């Protein structure tokens, strides 16, 4: 009799890094390696390994290449940013970023298929749902201090989204 009748487990339920757009916080060691310790003295040991220098240069080049591949915010489009006590939503020229407590999900414009916004009639909550091209959806809710500010946020968000989603339909006569 086969004992391996376990149902398949969704990888996102086990490993949060499986979810597209979700970037985990950087470990302290990686941050220290990238920036260097604040009070570190230069290594002047006479028996330093000469083979370590090319390796350090290769690591620096790799880090520079990774930094070049990351999308940098441009100033040629509107920026929409709102936050409440535990989350924030940012829409800029690189894409849409959700932050909730210590987690961040970044969606670049090429991977975004659609964006849905919702403002309930009798509440002060702005909901943004991002649909990716891989047919997944992610949403975040932000509480507004007042209904008037919620209406202002909705208008500003529509303006920002309209500038980044170009109308690609053309009419021919």
Protein backbone atom coordinates (compact mmCIF):
# COMPACT_ATOMS: atom_id res chain seq x y z
CA UNK A 1 0.00 0.00 0.00
CA UNK A 2 1.36 3.44 -0.97
CA UNK A 3 1.86 5.77 2.00
CA UNK A 4 2.50 8.88 -0.16
CA UNK A 5 -1.12 9.94 -0.63
CA UNK A 6 -0.43 13.48 0.57
CA UNK A 7 -2.14 16.18 -1.49
CA UNK A 8 0.15 18.69 -3.23
CA UNK A 9 0.83 21.80 -1.19
CA UNK A 10 0.76 25.26 -2.72
CA UNK A 11 4.32 26.56 -2.59
CA UNK A 12 3.15 30.04 -1.56
CA UNK A 13 1.68 28.51 1.62
CA UNK A 14 5.13 27.25 2.62
CA UNK A 15 7.51 29.81 1.16
CA UNK A 16 6.43 33.48 0.93
CA UNK A 17 9.21 34.10 -1.58
CA UNK A 18 7.19 32.00 -4.07
CA UNK A 19 4.63 34.83 -4.40
CA UNK A 20 5.60 37.08 -7.34
CA UNK A 21 6.34 40.66 -6.33
CA UNK A 22 6.86 39.87 -2.65
CA UNK A 23 10.30 40.90 -1.47
CA UNK A 24 11.39 39.69 1.95
CA UNK A 25 13.29 41.97 4.32
CA UNK A 26 17.04 41.87 3.83
CA UNK A 27 18.96 39.98 6.52
CA UNK A 28 21.32 42.03 8.69
CA UNK A 29 24.37 40.19 7.33
CA UNK A 30 23.56 41.06 3.72
CA UNK A 31 22.93 44.69 4.66
CA UNK A 32 26.20 44.86 6.59
CA UNK A 33 28.07 43.23 3.70
CA UNK A 34 26.64 45.73 1.20
CA UNK A 35 27.26 48.83 3.30
CA UNK A 36 30.07 47.60 5.53
CA UNK A 37 30.16 47.88 9.30
CA UNK A 38 30.06 51.43 10.60
CA UNK A 39 33.27 51.24 12.63
CA UNK A 40 35.26 48.64 10.69
CA UNK A 41 38.97 49.28 10.32
CA UNK A 42 40.61 48.45 7.02
CA UNK A 43 42.20 45.01 6.88
CA UNK A 44 45.95 45.61 6.99
CA UNK A 45 47.06 42.12 7.97
CA UNK A 46 50.39 41.27 6.31
CA UNK A 47 49.25 37.72 5.58
CA UNK A 48 46.12 38.82 3.67
CA UNK A 49 45.12 36.44 0.91
CA UNK A 50 45.92 38.04 -2.49
CA UNK A 51 43.29 35.83 -4.15
CA UNK A 52 40.61 37.50 -2.00
CA UNK A 53 41.02 40.85 -3.79
CA UNK A 54 39.72 39.68 -7.20
CA UNK A 55 36.88 37.88 -5.42
CA UNK A 56 35.92 41.10 -3.59
CA UNK A 57 36.06 43.05 -6.85
CA UNK A 58 33.82 40.46 -8.54
CA UNK A 59 31.31 40.74 -5.68
CA UNK A 60 31.32 44.53 -5.99
CA UNK A 61 30.71 44.28 -9.74
CA UNK A 62 27.86 41.82 -9.16
CA UNK A 63 26.25 44.14 -6.59
CA UNK A 64 26.59 47.07 -9.00
CA UNK A 65 24.96 45.03 -11.79
CA UNK A 66 22.06 44.10 -9.50
CA UNK A 67 21.63 47.75 -8.53
CA UNK A 68 21.59 48.73 -12.22
CA UNK A 69 18.88 46.16 -12.99
CA UNK A 70 16.57 47.43 -10.25
CA UNK A 71 14.05 49.94 -11.57
CA UNK A 72 14.86 53.45 -10.47
CA UNK A 73 12.04 55.93 -9.90
CA UNK A 74 11.81 58.55 -12.60
CA UNK A 75 10.45 62.01 -12.12
CA UNK A 76 8.49 62.06 -15.39
CA UNK A 77 5.17 60.89 -13.97
CA UNK A 78 2.84 61.54 -11.06
CA UNK A 79 3.45 59.85 -7.73
CA UNK A 80 0.57 58.71 -5.54
CA UNK A 81 1.36 57.68 -1.98
CA UNK A 82 -1.01 57.05 0.93
CA UNK A 83 -0.56 55.29 4.25
CA UNK A 84 -2.28 54.46 7.49
CA UNK A 85 -1.09 53.02 10.79
CA UNK A 86 0.12 49.70 9.35
CA UNK A 87 0.30 49.92 5.56
CA UNK A 88 1.04 52.10 2.58
CA UNK A 89 0.45 52.17 -1.15
CA UNK A 90 2.81 53.87 -3.60
CA UNK A 91 2.16 54.34 -7.31
CA UNK A 92 5.02 55.81 -9.31
CA UNK A 93 6.79 55.37 -12.63
CA UNK A 94 8.38 52.07 -11.55
CA UNK A 95 5.07 50.45 -10.60
CA UNK A 96 2.94 49.85 -7.52
CA UNK A 97 4.33 49.04 -4.08
CA UNK A 98 2.31 47.64 -1.19
CA UNK A 99 3.76 47.79 2.33
CA UNK A 100 2.05 46.07 5.23
CA UNK A 101 3.92 46.06 8.54
CA UNK A 102 7.33 44.54 7.69
CA UNK A 103 6.39 43.06 4.30
CA UNK A 104 6.74 44.72 0.90
CA UNK A 105 5.26 43.66 -2.43
CA UNK A 106 6.53 45.46 -5.51
CA UNK A 107 4.80 45.20 -8.87
CA UNK A 108 6.55 46.66 -11.94
CA UNK A 109 4.38 48.03 -14.76
CA UNK A 110 5.25 45.21 -17.22
CA UNK A 111 3.91 42.58 -14.79
CA UNK A 112 0.69 44.47 -13.95
CA UNK A 113 -2.30 43.43 -16.03
CA UNK A 114 -4.94 45.61 -14.37
CA UNK A 115 -5.61 47.67 -11.26
CA UNK A 116 -8.97 47.83 -9.52
CA UNK A 117 -9.87 50.45 -6.94
CA UNK A 118 -12.79 50.45 -4.54
CA UNK A 119 -14.12 53.01 -2.08
CA UNK A 120 -17.16 51.74 -0.16
CA UNK A 121 -20.08 54.13 0.08
CA UNK A 122 -20.26 54.36 3.87
CA UNK A 123 -16.68 53.58 4.89
CA UNK A 124 -13.33 55.33 4.85
CA UNK A 125 -11.32 52.49 3.32
CA UNK A 126 -9.48 52.66 0.00
CA UNK A 127 -8.88 49.25 -1.55
CA UNK A 128 -6.45 48.71 -4.40
CA UNK A 129 -6.27 45.31 -6.10
CA UNK A 130 -3.43 44.57 -8.52
CA UNK A 131 -3.95 41.86 -11.13
CA UNK A 132 -0.69 40.49 -12.50
CA UNK A 133 -0.17 39.11 -15.97
CA UNK A 134 0.27 35.68 -14.35
CA UNK A 135 -3.42 35.83 -13.30
CA UNK A 136 -2.86 36.46 -9.61
CA UNK A 137 -4.42 39.29 -7.64
CA UNK A 138 -3.16 41.12 -4.57
CA UNK A 139 -4.99 43.79 -2.61
CA UNK A 140 -4.34 46.22 0.21
CA UNK A 141 -6.71 48.35 2.25
CA UNK A 142 -5.83 51.80 3.61
CA UNK A 143 -8.01 53.63 6.13
CA UNK A 144 -8.52 57.33 5.42
CA UNK A 145 -8.90 59.79 8.31
CA UNK A 146 -12.04 61.27 6.69
CA UNK A 147 -14.47 60.67 3.82
CA UNK A 148 -13.36 63.90 2.13
CA UNK A 149 -9.74 62.77 2.12
CA UNK A 150 -10.83 59.38 0.76
CA UNK A 151 -12.52 61.10 -2.19
CA UNK A 152 -9.36 63.15 -2.80
CA UNK A 153 -7.23 59.98 -2.69
CA UNK A 154 -9.52 58.26 -5.22
CA UNK A 155 -9.22 61.21 -7.63
CA UNK A 156 -5.43 61.42 -7.29
CA UNK A 157 -5.08 57.65 -7.72
CA UNK A 158 -7.20 57.69 -10.90
CA UNK A 159 -5.03 60.48 -12.30
CA UNK A 160 -1.82 58.58 -11.54
CA UNK A 161 -3.13 55.30 -12.96
CA UNK A 162 -4.42 57.02 -16.10
CA UNK A 163 -0.96 58.44 -16.78
CA UNK A 164 0.72 55.02 -16.50
CA UNK A 165 -1.90 52.94 -18.30
CA UNK A 166 -1.84 54.20 -21.86
CA UNK A 167 -4.91 53.72 -23.98
CA UNK A 168 -3.66 51.34 -26.68
CA UNK A 169 -6.93 51.08 -28.58
CA UNK A 170 -7.10 53.00 -31.82
CA UNK A 171 -10.13 53.59 -33.96
CA UNK A 172 -9.93 53.31 -37.72
CA UNK A 173 -12.53 54.76 -40.04
